[in-house]
PDB file of N, CA and C in Angstrom:
ATOM      1  N   MET A   1     -39.313  26.319   7.979  1.00  0.00           N
ATOM      2  CA  MET A   1     -38.831  26.354   9.581  1.00  0.00           C
ATOM      3  C   MET A   1     -37.781  27.411   9.745  1.00  0.00           C
ATOM      4  N   ASN A   2     -37.912  28.083  10.681  1.00  0.00           N
ATOM      5  CA  ASN A   2     -36.789  29.016  11.097  1.00  0.00           C
ATOM      6  C   ASN A   2     -35.880  28.395  12.175  1.00  0.00           C
ATOM      7  N   TYR A   3     -36.307  27.463  12.766  1.00  0.00           N
ATOM      8  CA  TYR A   3     -35.627  26.926  13.867  1.00  0.00           C
ATOM      9  C   TYR A   3     -35.085  25.552  13.350  1.00  0.00           C
ATOM     10  N   LYS A   4     -33.951  24.840  13.718  1.00  0.00           N
ATOM     11  CA  LYS A   4     -33.433  23.651  13.498  1.00  0.00           C
ATOM     12  C   LYS A   4     -34.540  22.595  13.989  1.00  0.00           C
ATOM     13  N   LYS A   5     -34.831  21.567  13.342  1.00  0.00           N
ATOM     14  CA  LYS A   5     -35.619  20.498  13.697  1.00  0.00           C
ATOM     15  C   LYS A   5     -35.259  19.949  15.262  1.00  0.00           C
ATOM     16  N   GLU A   6     -33.999  19.816  15.403  1.00  0.00           N
ATOM     17  CA  GLU A   6     -33.712  19.250  16.727  1.00  0.00           C
ATOM     18  C   GLU A   6     -33.826  20.344  17.931  1.00  0.00           C
ATOM     19  N   TYR A   7     -33.899  21.630  17.609  1.00  0.00           N
ATOM     20  CA  TYR A   7     -34.226  22.733  18.523  1.00  0.00           C
ATOM     21  C   TYR A   7     -35.835  22.613  18.795  1.00  0.00           C
ATOM     22  N   LEU A   8     -36.618  22.369  17.810  1.00  0.00           N
ATOM     23  CA  LEU A   8     -38.058  22.291  17.820  1.00  0.00           C
ATOM     24  C   LEU A   8     -38.457  21.028  18.670  1.00  0.00           C
ATOM     25  N   GLU A   9     -37.731  19.905  18.524  1.00  0.00           N
ATOM     26  CA  GLU A   9     -37.896  18.678  19.299  1.00  0.00           C
ATOM     27  C   GLU A   9     -37.699  18.801  20.613  1.00  0.00           C
ATOM     28  N   VAL A  10     -36.536  19.579  21.134  1.00  0.00           N
ATOM     29  CA  VAL A  10     -36.298  19.933  22.413  1.00  0.00           C
ATOM     30  C   VAL A  10     -37.371  20.737  23.006  1.00  0.00           C
ATOM     31  N   PHE A  11     -38.033  21.775  22.307  1.00  0.00           N
ATOM     32  CA  PHE A  11     -38.950  22.550  22.935  1.00  0.00           C
ATOM     33  C   PHE A  11     -40.263  21.798  23.087  1.00  0.00           C
ATOM     34  N   LEU A  12     -40.563  20.995  22.049  1.00  0.00           N
ATOM     35  CA  LEU A  12     -41.722  20.226  22.197  1.00  0.00           C
ATOM     36  C   LEU A  12     -41.721  19.320  23.434  1.00  0.00           C
ATOM     37  N   LYS A  13     -40.525  18.656  23.664  1.00  0.00           N
ATOM     38  CA  LYS A  13     -40.544  17.732  24.697  1.00  0.00           C
ATOM     39  C   LYS A  13     -40.434  18.459  26.184  1.00  0.00           C
ATOM     40  N   LYS A  14     -39.911  19.670  26.193  1.00  0.00           N
ATOM     41  CA  LYS A  14     -39.647  20.214  27.316  1.00  0.00           C
ATOM     42  C   LYS A  14     -40.552  21.471  27.640  1.00  0.00           C
ATOM     43  N   GLN A  15     -41.404  21.823  26.848  1.00  0.00           N
ATOM     44  CA  GLN A  15     -42.197  23.029  26.904  1.00  0.00           C
ATOM     45  C   GLN A  15     -42.938  23.251  28.307  1.00  0.00           C
ATOM     46  N   GLU A  16     -43.271  22.063  28.814  1.00  0.00           N
ATOM     47  CA  GLU A  16     -43.922  22.357  30.152  1.00  0.00           C
ATOM     48  C   GLU A  16     -43.134  22.728  31.318  1.00  0.00           C
ATOM     49  N   GLN A  17     -41.759  22.979  31.072  1.00  0.00           N
ATOM     50  CA  GLN A  17     -40.944  23.581  32.124  1.00  0.00           C
ATOM     51  C   GLN A  17     -41.255  25.069  32.244  1.00  0.00           C
ATOM     52  N   LEU A  18     -41.804  25.587  31.137  1.00  0.00           N
ATOM     53  CA  LEU A  18     -42.221  26.993  31.172  1.00  0.00           C
ATOM     54  C   LEU A  18     -43.683  27.338  31.176  1.00  0.00           C
ATOM     55  N   PHE A  19     -44.451  26.463  30.461  1.00  0.00           N
ATOM     56  CA  PHE A  19     -45.826  26.620  30.339  1.00  0.00           C
ATOM     57  C   PHE A  19     -46.600  25.508  31.120  1.00  0.00           C
ATOM     58  N   ASP A  20     -47.889  25.913  31.665  1.00  0.00           N
ATOM     59  CA  ASP A  20     -48.733  24.971  32.543  1.00  0.00           C
ATOM     60  C   ASP A  20     -49.155  23.865  31.569  1.00  0.00           C
ATOM     61  N   GLU A  21     -49.503  24.281  30.387  1.00  0.00           N
ATOM     62  CA  GLU A  21     -49.942  23.222  29.275  1.00  0.00           C
ATOM     63  C   GLU A  21     -49.386  23.341  28.094  1.00  0.00           C
ATOM     64  N   PRO A  22     -49.126  22.403  27.223  1.00  0.00           N
ATOM     65  CA  PRO A  22     -48.499  22.538  25.975  1.00  0.00           C
ATOM     66  C   PRO A  22     -49.010  23.634  24.994  1.00  0.00           C
ATOM     67  N   VAL A  23     -48.069  24.389  24.517  1.00  0.00           N
ATOM     68  CA  VAL A  23     -48.546  25.381  23.506  1.00  0.00           C
ATOM     69  C   VAL A  23     -48.437  25.008  22.101  1.00  0.00           C
ATOM     70  N   ALA A  24     -47.854  23.920  21.936  1.00  0.00           N
ATOM     71  CA  ALA A  24     -47.533  23.280  20.567  1.00  0.00           C
ATOM     72  C   ALA A  24     -47.545  21.749  20.564  1.00  0.00           C
ATOM     73  N   GLU A  25     -48.022  21.042  19.487  1.00  0.00           N
ATOM     74  CA  GLU A  25     -48.005  19.610  19.386  1.00  0.00           C
ATOM     75  C   GLU A  25     -47.209  19.167  18.239  1.00  0.00           C
ATOM     76  N   THR A  26     -46.912  20.048  17.295  1.00  0.00           N
ATOM     77  CA  THR A  26     -46.247  19.434  16.117  1.00  0.00           C
ATOM     78  C   THR A  26     -44.925  20.391  15.929  1.00  0.00           C
ATOM     79  N   LEU A  27     -44.033  19.965  15.001  1.00  0.00           N
ATOM     80  CA  LEU A  27     -42.845  20.766  14.716  1.00  0.00           C
ATOM     81  C   LEU A  27     -43.267  22.120  14.254  1.00  0.00           C
ATOM     82  N   GLU A  28     -44.371  22.164  13.331  1.00  0.00           N
ATOM     83  CA  GLU A  28     -44.675  23.380  12.596  1.00  0.00           C
ATOM     84  C   GLU A  28     -45.261  24.219  13.566  1.00  0.00           C
ATOM     85  N   GLU A  29     -46.063  23.712  14.488  1.00  0.00           N
ATOM     86  CA  GLU A  29     -46.769  24.759  15.554  1.00  0.00           C
ATOM     87  C   GLU A  29     -45.662  25.216  16.615  1.00  0.00           C
ATOM     88  N   ALA A  30     -44.684  24.344  16.899  1.00  0.00           N
ATOM     89  CA  ALA A  30     -43.532  24.889  17.653  1.00  0.00           C
ATOM     90  C   ALA A  30     -42.789  25.921  17.004  1.00  0.00           C
ATOM     91  N   ASP A  31     -42.493  25.759  15.789  1.00  0.00           N
ATOM     92  CA  ASP A  31     -41.653  26.713  14.889  1.00  0.00           C
ATOM     93  C   ASP A  31     -42.546  28.068  14.868  1.00  0.00           C
ATOM     94  N   GLU A  32     -43.740  28.015  14.691  1.00  0.00           N
ATOM     95  CA  GLU A  32     -44.716  29.133  14.601  1.00  0.00           C
ATOM     96  C   GLU A  32     -44.728  29.778  15.997  1.00  0.00           C
ATOM     97  N   PHE A  33     -44.895  29.102  17.059  1.00  0.00           N
ATOM     98  CA  PHE A  33     -44.954  29.638  18.289  1.00  0.00           C
ATOM     99  C   PHE A  33     -43.694  30.402  18.712  1.00  0.00           C
ATOM    100  N   LEU A  34     -42.498  29.568  18.499  1.00  0.00           N
ATOM    101  CA  LEU A  34     -41.181  30.343  18.845  1.00  0.00           C
ATOM    102  C   LEU A  34     -40.930  31.427  17.956  1.00  0.00           C
ATOM    103  N   ASP A  35     -41.379  31.449  16.622  1.00  0.00           N
ATOM    104  CA  ASP A  35     -41.233  32.614  15.916  1.00  0.00           C
ATOM    105  C   ASP A  35     -42.164  33.991  16.376  1.00  0.00           C
ATOM    106  N   GLU A  36     -43.303  33.550  16.848  1.00  0.00           N
ATOM    107  CA  GLU A  36     -44.246  34.516  17.365  1.00  0.00           C
ATOM    108  C   GLU A  36     -43.567  35.153  18.654  1.00  0.00           C
ATOM    109  N   CYS A  37     -43.145  34.390  19.468  1.00  0.00           N
ATOM    110  CA  CYS A  37     -42.506  35.086  20.689  1.00  0.00           C
ATOM    111  C   CYS A  37     -41.126  35.321  20.601  1.00  0.00           C
ATOM    112  N   MET A  38     -40.591  35.327  19.394  1.00  0.00           N
ATOM    113  CA  MET A  38     -39.145  35.788  19.032  1.00  0.00           C
ATOM    114  C   MET A  38     -38.150  35.067  20.008  1.00  0.00           C
ATOM    115  N   ALA A  39     -38.257  33.751  19.938  1.00  0.00           N
ATOM    116  CA  ALA A  39     -37.434  33.068  20.892  1.00  0.00           C
ATOM    117  C   ALA A  39     -35.899  33.139  20.212  1.00  0.00           C
ATOM    118  N   VAL A  40     -34.939  33.071  21.031  1.00  0.00           N
ATOM    119  CA  VAL A  40     -33.584  33.354  20.709  1.00  0.00           C
ATOM    120  C   VAL A  40     -32.693  32.074  20.952  1.00  0.00           C
ATOM    121  N   VAL A  41     -31.707  31.828  19.992  1.00  0.00           N
ATOM    122  CA  VAL A  41     -30.880  30.811  20.111  1.00  0.00           C
ATOM    123  C   VAL A  41     -29.443  31.512  20.578  1.00  0.00           C
ATOM    124  N   ALA A  42     -29.022  31.037  21.808  1.00  0.00           N
ATOM    125  CA  ALA A  42     -27.828  31.760  22.363  1.00  0.00           C
ATOM    126  C   ALA A  42     -26.697  30.684  22.127  1.00  0.00           C
ATOM    127  N   ASP A  43     -25.426  31.222  21.505  1.00  0.00           N
ATOM    128  CA  ASP A  43     -24.404  30.375  21.276  1.00  0.00           C
ATOM    129  C   ASP A  43     -23.788  29.530  22.571  1.00  0.00           C
ATOM    130  N   ASN A  44     -23.784  30.359  23.627  1.00  0.00           N
ATOM    131  CA  ASN A  44     -23.158  29.670  24.796  1.00  0.00           C
ATOM    132  C   ASN A  44     -23.736  30.458  26.167  1.00  0.00           C
ATOM    133  N   TYR A  45     -23.164  30.033  27.325  1.00  0.00           N
ATOM    134  CA  TYR A  45     -23.549  30.530  28.521  1.00  0.00           C
ATOM    135  C   TYR A  45     -23.570  32.086  28.569  1.00  0.00           C
ATOM    136  N   ARG A  46     -22.482  32.614  28.211  1.00  0.00           N
ATOM    137  CA  ARG A  46     -22.217  34.195  28.075  1.00  0.00           C
ATOM    138  C   ARG A  46     -23.234  34.933  27.417  1.00  0.00           C
ATOM    139  N   ALA A  47     -23.695  34.180  26.137  1.00  0.00           N
ATOM    140  CA  ALA A  47     -24.724  34.939  25.253  1.00  0.00           C
ATOM    141  C   ALA A  47     -26.193  35.004  26.225  1.00  0.00           C
ATOM    142  N   VAL A  48     -26.355  33.783  26.963  1.00  0.00           N
ATOM    143  CA  VAL A  48     -27.549  33.642  27.692  1.00  0.00           C
ATOM    144  C   VAL A  48     -27.632  34.730  28.717  1.00  0.00           C
ATOM    145  N   ARG A  49     -26.543  34.980  29.513  1.00  0.00           N
ATOM    146  CA  ARG A  49     -26.337  36.014  30.536  1.00  0.00           C
ATOM    147  C   ARG A  49     -26.329  37.357  29.873  1.00  0.00           C
ATOM    148  N   ASP A  50     -25.906  37.594  28.710  1.00  0.00           N
ATOM    149  CA  ASP A  50     -26.050  38.815  28.066  1.00  0.00           C
ATOM    150  C   ASP A  50     -27.407  39.252  27.678  1.00  0.00           C
ATOM    151  N   TYR A  51     -28.045  38.166  27.161  1.00  0.00           N
ATOM    152  CA  TYR A  51     -29.555  38.280  26.806  1.00  0.00           C
ATOM    153  C   TYR A  51     -30.409  38.742  28.069  1.00  0.00           C
ATOM    154  N   PHE A  52     -30.349  38.190  29.146  1.00  0.00           N
ATOM    155  CA  PHE A  52     -31.132  38.517  30.294  1.00  0.00           C
ATOM    156  C   PHE A  52     -30.674  39.887  30.735  1.00  0.00           C
ATOM    157  N   GLU A  53     -29.374  40.215  30.842  1.00  0.00           N
ATOM    158  CA  GLU A  53     -28.957  41.576  31.231  1.00  0.00           C
ATOM    159  C   GLU A  53     -29.518  42.604  30.383  1.00  0.00           C
ATOM    160  N   GLU A  54     -29.432  42.399  28.852  1.00  0.00           N
ATOM    161  CA  GLU A  54     -29.975  43.301  28.051  1.00  0.00           C
ATOM    162  C   GLU A  54     -31.522  43.466  28.031  1.00  0.00           C
ATOM    163  N   ASN A  55     -32.227  42.518  28.583  1.00  0.00           N
ATOM    164  CA  ASN A  55     -33.576  42.642  28.772  1.00  0.00           C
ATOM    165  C   ASN A  55     -34.030  43.022  30.198  1.00  0.00           C
ATOM    166  N   GLY A  56     -33.122  43.547  30.997  1.00  0.00           N
ATOM    167  CA  GLY A  56     -33.361  44.171  32.260  1.00  0.00           C
ATOM    168  C   GLY A  56     -33.408  43.243  33.544  1.00  0.00           C
ATOM    169  N   ALA A  57     -32.912  42.040  33.365  1.00  0.00           N
ATOM    170  CA  ALA A  57     -32.939  41.093  34.397  1.00  0.00           C
ATOM    171  C   ALA A  57     -31.680  41.388  35.260  1.00  0.00           C
ATOM    172  N   ASP A  58     -31.774  41.163  36.510  1.00  0.00           N
ATOM    173  CA  ASP A  58     -30.630  41.319  37.358  1.00  0.00           C
ATOM    174  C   ASP A  58     -29.902  39.995  37.553  1.00  0.00           C
ATOM    175  N   THR A  59     -28.961  39.750  36.982  1.00  0.00           N
ATOM    176  CA  THR A  59     -28.188  38.414  37.106  1.00  0.00           C
ATOM    177  C   THR A  59     -27.015  38.457  37.979  1.00  0.00           C
ATOM    178  N   ALA A  60     -26.840  39.537  38.587  1.00  0.00           N
ATOM    179  CA  ALA A  60     -25.501  39.773  39.411  1.00  0.00           C
ATOM    180  C   ALA A  60     -25.160  38.678  40.520  1.00  0.00           C
ATOM    181  N   GLY A  61     -26.156  38.131  41.124  1.00  0.00           N
ATOM    182  CA  GLY A  61     -26.069  37.175  42.235  1.00  0.00           C
ATOM    183  C   GLY A  61     -26.212  35.748  41.778  1.00  0.00           C
ATOM    184  N   MET A  62     -26.489  35.437  40.387  1.00  0.00           N
ATOM    185  CA  MET A  62     -26.931  34.211  39.885  1.00  0.00           C
ATOM    186  C   MET A  62     -25.670  33.468  39.445  1.00  0.00           C
ATOM    187  N   SER A  63     -25.564  32.080  39.833  1.00  0.00           N
ATOM    188  CA  SER A  63     -24.500  31.394  39.306  1.00  0.00           C
ATOM    189  C   SER A  63     -24.843  30.962  37.966  1.00  0.00           C
ATOM    190  N   ARG A  64     -23.838  30.297  37.330  1.00  0.00           N
ATOM    191  CA  ARG A  64     -23.915  29.783  36.039  1.00  0.00           C
ATOM    192  C   ARG A  64     -25.206  28.915  36.018  1.00  0.00           C
ATOM    193  N   GLU A  65     -25.218  27.943  37.073  1.00  0.00           N
ATOM    194  CA  GLU A  65     -26.220  26.912  36.976  1.00  0.00           C
ATOM    195  C   GLU A  65     -27.768  27.506  37.213  1.00  0.00           C
ATOM    196  N   GLU A  66     -27.713  28.470  38.063  1.00  0.00           N
ATOM    197  CA  GLU A  66     -28.939  28.984  38.452  1.00  0.00           C
ATOM    198  C   GLU A  66     -29.504  29.733  37.100  1.00  0.00           C
ATOM    199  N   LEU A  67     -28.618  30.499  36.451  1.00  0.00           N
ATOM    200  CA  LEU A  67     -29.002  31.178  35.203  1.00  0.00           C
ATOM    201  C   LEU A  67     -29.576  30.038  34.203  1.00  0.00           C
ATOM    202  N   LEU A  68     -28.862  28.969  33.990  1.00  0.00           N
ATOM    203  CA  LEU A  68     -29.159  27.970  32.827  1.00  0.00           C
ATOM    204  C   LEU A  68     -30.380  27.259  33.445  1.00  0.00           C
ATOM    205  N   GLU A  69     -30.750  27.257  34.675  1.00  0.00           N
ATOM    206  CA  GLU A  69     -31.981  26.441  35.132  1.00  0.00           C
ATOM    207  C   GLU A  69     -33.222  27.362  35.135  1.00  0.00           C
ATOM    208  N   GLN A  70     -33.244  28.461  34.507  1.00  0.00           N
ATOM    209  CA  GLN A  70     -34.429  29.371  34.439  1.00  0.00           C
ATOM    210  C   GLN A  70     -35.329  28.730  33.527  1.00  0.00           C
ATOM    211  N   ALA A  71     -36.555  28.799  33.810  1.00  0.00           N
ATOM    212  CA  ALA A  71     -37.685  28.039  33.020  1.00  0.00           C
ATOM    213  C   ALA A  71     -37.533  28.602  31.546  1.00  0.00           C
ATOM    214  N   GLU A  72     -37.146  29.762  31.158  1.00  0.00           N
ATOM    215  CA  GLU A  72     -37.000  30.273  29.816  1.00  0.00           C
ATOM    216  C   GLU A  72     -35.973  29.595  29.164  1.00  0.00           C
ATOM    217  N   VAL A  73     -34.935  28.990  29.752  1.00  0.00           N
ATOM    218  CA  VAL A  73     -33.816  28.604  28.926  1.00  0.00           C
ATOM    219  C   VAL A  73     -33.808  26.996  28.824  1.00  0.00           C
ATOM    220  N   PHE A  74     -33.666  26.695  27.609  1.00  0.00           N
ATOM    221  CA  PHE A  74     -33.870  25.150  27.168  1.00  0.00           C
ATOM    222  C   PHE A  74     -32.341  24.946  26.521  1.00  0.00           C
ATOM    223  N   ALA A  75     -31.671  23.894  27.175  1.00  0.00           N
ATOM    224  CA  ALA A  75     -30.501  23.459  26.661  1.00  0.00           C
ATOM    225  C   ALA A  75     -30.638  22.543  25.442  1.00  0.00           C
ATOM    226  N   LEU A  76     -29.900  22.879  24.427  1.00  0.00           N
ATOM    227  CA  LEU A  76     -29.899  22.147  23.219  1.00  0.00           C
ATOM    228  C   LEU A  76     -28.837  21.234  22.957  1.00  0.00           C
ATOM    229  N   PRO A  77     -29.107  20.177  22.077  1.00  0.00           N
ATOM    230  CA  PRO A  77     -27.947  19.213  21.902  1.00  0.00           C
ATOM    231  C   PRO A  77     -26.729  19.653  21.421  1.00  0.00           C
ATOM    232  N   ASP A  78     -26.592  20.676  20.752  1.00  0.00           N
ATOM    233  CA  ASP A  78     -25.351  21.159  20.151  1.00  0.00           C
ATOM    234  C   ASP A  78     -24.546  22.200  21.188  1.00  0.00           C
ATOM    235  N   GLY A  79     -25.112  22.282  22.491  1.00  0.00           N
ATOM    236  CA  GLY A  79     -24.440  23.144  23.361  1.00  0.00           C
ATOM    237  C   GLY A  79     -24.879  24.386  23.388  1.00  0.00           C
ATOM    238  N   LYS A  80     -25.794  24.848  22.491  1.00  0.00           N
ATOM    239  CA  LYS A  80     -26.541  26.058  22.502  1.00  0.00           C
ATOM    240  C   LYS A  80     -27.646  26.165  23.400  1.00  0.00           C
ATOM    241  N   TYR A  81     -28.294  27.272  23.632  1.00  0.00           N
ATOM    242  CA  TYR A  81     -29.427  27.395  24.385  1.00  0.00           C
ATOM    243  C   TYR A  81     -30.661  28.086  23.687  1.00  0.00           C
ATOM    244  N   LEU A  82     -31.721  27.647  24.001  1.00  0.00           N
ATOM    245  CA  LEU A  82     -32.986  28.400  23.383  1.00  0.00           C
ATOM    246  C   LEU A  82     -33.627  29.163  24.455  1.00  0.00           C
ATOM    247  N   ILE A  83     -33.857  30.468  24.305  1.00  0.00           N
ATOM    248  CA  ILE A  83     -34.381  31.289  25.297  1.00  0.00           C
ATOM    249  C   ILE A  83     -35.904  31.636  24.704  1.00  0.00           C
ATOM    250  N   VAL A  84     -36.740  31.305  25.556  1.00  0.00           N
ATOM    251  CA  VAL A  84     -38.276  31.472  25.174  1.00  0.00           C
ATOM    252  C   VAL A  84     -38.847  32.438  26.327  1.00  0.00           C
ATOM    253  N   GLU A  85     -39.309  33.504  25.881  1.00  0.00           N
ATOM    254  CA  GLU A  85     -40.060  34.470  26.833  1.00  0.00           C
ATOM    255  C   GLU A  85     -41.492  33.817  27.034  1.00  0.00           C
ATOM    256  N   GLY A  86     -41.780  33.622  28.323  1.00  0.00           N
ATOM    257  CA  GLY A  86     -43.028  32.920  28.599  1.00  0.00           C
ATOM    258  C   GLY A  86     -43.928  34.061  28.711  1.00  0.00           C
TER     259      GLY A  86
END
């Protein structure tokens, strides 16, 4: 597995915030899916903002809350964020 077990569990539990239907049902499927779509673990809020800006998103008018509420952003138990491109 490339991603920590607890990260995979968060994605499995909350994947429908980004997708209309589940894309993975097991930890292994979640790991493979996240690997295929090159999901990123950001260490903090600033890294999330940097990620979006580096990928061409206009974040200028977005508050911290608005940015972290994006469907692509999954809050992780250790204070980091998983970013998944849908």
